[in-house]
Protein backbone atom coordinates (compact mmCIF):
# COMPACT_ATOMS: atom_id res chain seq x y z
CA MET A 1 0.00 0.00 0.00
CA SER A 2 1.28 3.42 -0.86
CA VAL A 3 0.13 6.87 -1.74
CA GLU A 4 2.50 8.88 -3.89
CA TRP A 5 2.04 12.66 -3.77
CA SER A 6 5.40 13.62 -5.31
CA GLY A 7 3.98 13.82 -8.85
CA TRP A 8 1.24 16.28 -7.84
CA PRO A 9 -1.09 17.13 -9.49
CA LEU A 10 -0.90 13.48 -10.54
CA LEU A 11 -1.57 11.41 -7.45
CA GLU A 12 -0.97 7.65 -7.32
CA ILE A 13 -2.85 5.38 -4.92
CA ASP A 14 -1.64 1.79 -4.76
CA ALA A 15 -4.04 -0.26 -2.67
CA ALA A 16 -3.57 -3.49 -4.63
CA GLU A 17 -2.20 -5.47 -1.67
CA LEU A 18 -4.95 -4.48 0.78
CA PRO A 19 -8.21 -6.29 1.47
CA HIS A 20 -10.85 -4.68 -0.74
CA ALA A 21 -12.68 -2.88 2.08
CA GLU A 22 -9.43 -1.30 3.28
CA ALA A 23 -8.53 -0.38 -0.29
CA ARG A 24 -11.83 1.44 -0.79
CA SER A 25 -11.34 3.27 2.49
CA LEU A 26 -7.80 4.33 1.51
CA VAL A 27 -9.02 5.65 -1.84
CA VAL A 28 -11.81 7.68 -0.20
CA ARG A 29 -9.46 9.13 2.46
CA THR A 30 -6.80 9.99 -0.10
CA LEU A 31 -9.21 11.62 -2.53
CA SER A 32 -10.61 13.64 0.37
CA ALA A 33 -7.09 14.81 1.27
CA ALA A 34 -6.47 15.72 -2.39
CA LEU A 35 -9.66 17.79 -2.45
CA ASP A 36 -8.53 19.57 0.71
CA ARG A 37 -5.61 20.99 -1.29
CA GLY A 38 -8.12 23.03 -3.29
CA GLU A 39 -6.34 22.47 -6.61
CA PRO A 40 -7.12 20.47 -9.75
CA PHE A 41 -5.63 16.97 -9.77
CA ALA A 42 -5.86 13.52 -11.33
CA ALA A 43 -5.38 10.12 -9.71
CA LEU A 44 -4.12 6.72 -10.75
CA VAL A 45 -5.72 4.02 -8.59
CA ARG A 46 -4.61 0.40 -8.22
CA MET A 47 -7.23 -1.73 -6.48
CA PRO A 48 -6.96 -5.35 -5.33
CA PRO A 49 -7.67 -7.86 -8.10
CA ASP A 50 -10.11 -9.81 -5.94
CA ALA A 51 -12.95 -7.30 -5.78
CA PRO A 52 -16.03 -8.70 -4.06
CA ARG A 53 -18.55 -9.97 -6.54
CA GLY A 54 -22.20 -9.29 -5.95
CA GLY A 55 -21.84 -6.51 -3.35
CA GLY A 56 -23.13 -6.80 0.16
CA ALA A 57 -19.87 -5.85 1.87
CA PRO A 58 -20.60 -4.62 5.41
CA ASP A 59 -18.85 -1.30 4.87
CA ALA A 60 -20.26 -0.73 1.38
CA VAL A 61 -23.05 1.58 2.57
CA GLN A 62 -20.55 3.74 4.45
CA GLN A 63 -18.31 3.92 1.38
CA VAL A 64 -21.25 4.93 -0.83
CA ARG A 65 -22.09 7.73 1.60
CA ALA A 66 -18.48 8.91 1.62
CA LEU A 67 -18.43 8.89 -2.18
CA ARG A 68 -21.62 10.96 -2.30
CA GLU A 69 -19.94 13.53 -0.07
CA LEU A 70 -16.82 13.59 -2.27
CA ARG A 71 -18.63 13.73 -5.62
CA PRO A 72 -19.22 17.53 -5.75
CA GLY A 73 -15.56 18.23 -4.98
CA LEU A 74 -14.42 15.61 -7.48
CA ALA A 75 -16.66 17.16 -10.13
CA GLU A 76 -15.02 20.52 -9.48
CA ARG A 77 -11.35 19.58 -9.01
CA CYS A 78 -10.63 16.04 -10.23
CA ARG A 79 -9.63 16.01 -13.88
CA GLY A 80 -9.57 12.21 -14.11
CA LEU A 81 -9.44 8.90 -12.26
CA ALA A 82 -7.70 5.99 -13.95
CA PHE A 83 -8.19 2.56 -12.40
CA VAL A 84 -5.54 -0.02 -13.23
CA LEU A 85 -7.31 -3.35 -13.70
CA SER A 86 -6.51 -6.52 -15.61
CA ASP A 87 -8.45 -7.16 -18.80
CA GLU A 88 -10.37 -9.89 -16.95
CA GLU A 89 -11.36 -7.51 -14.13
CA GLN A 90 -12.37 -4.86 -16.67
CA ALA A 91 -14.61 -7.36 -18.44
CA HIS A 92 -16.19 -8.50 -15.19
CA HIS A 93 -16.85 -4.95 -13.96
CA SER A 94 -17.75 -3.42 -17.32
CA LYS A 95 -21.09 -1.95 -16.16
CA VAL A 96 -19.47 -0.18 -13.21
CA ILE A 97 -16.62 1.04 -15.40
CA GLN A 98 -19.03 2.44 -18.00
CA SER A 99 -20.88 4.40 -15.30
CA GLY A 100 -17.67 5.60 -13.64
CA THR A 101 -18.00 9.26 -14.60
CA ALA A 102 -21.54 9.41 -13.21
CA VAL A 103 -20.52 7.55 -10.04
CA TRP A 104 -17.39 9.58 -9.28
CA GLY A 105 -18.42 12.93 -10.76
CA CYS A 106 -15.29 13.24 -12.92
CA PRO A 107 -13.89 11.52 -16.01
CA THR A 108 -12.85 7.92 -15.32
CA THR A 109 -11.24 5.10 -17.22
CA ALA A 110 -9.95 1.61 -16.59
CA VAL A 111 -6.72 0.45 -18.19
CA ASP A 112 -4.51 -2.60 -17.88
CA GLY A 113 -1.31 -0.85 -16.81
CA PRO A 114 0.10 2.22 -15.10
CA THR A 115 1.80 3.56 -18.24
CA ALA A 116 -1.52 3.82 -20.09
CA ALA A 117 -3.15 5.26 -16.96
CA ARG A 118 -0.51 7.98 -16.61
CA ALA A 119 -0.76 8.90 -20.30
CA TRP A 120 -4.55 9.26 -20.07
CA LEU A 121 -4.29 11.27 -16.84
CA HIS A 122 -1.63 13.60 -18.28
CA ASP A 123 -4.01 14.27 -21.20
CA CYS A 124 -6.80 15.05 -18.72
CA LEU A 125 -4.57 17.47 -16.82
CA ALA A 126 -3.31 19.09 -20.03
CA LYS A 127 -6.88 19.97 -21.04
CA ASP A 128 -7.10 22.03 -17.85
CA VAL A 129 -4.15 24.17 -18.95
CA LEU A 130 -5.45 24.90 -22.45
């Protein structure tokens, strides 16, 4: 688990080794901290490959509430969220991925590697400068 702020405004959250509930919590806390900076940003997010299937996680309701609270700030300041997922995970979660922008309030994508994620996020940030 790590959070890398040194590339700000490109933030990297690596929660791939955490249990899924802890990973979600880390992402919410980190995005909240990014919003507290009051500046535009983009984030690369690595989640665990073993996402729960079918929902029902005990903390899921709390995470949904936290996301609802973050959404207005994300819509204002987040220029993009790129989730690094294997092709298999992308296929399994395709409905969620397709609704990502509506769920998070900012542009989202899912890619199979960090290089593609960074390239997409740099494009998102560059649009803010133009």
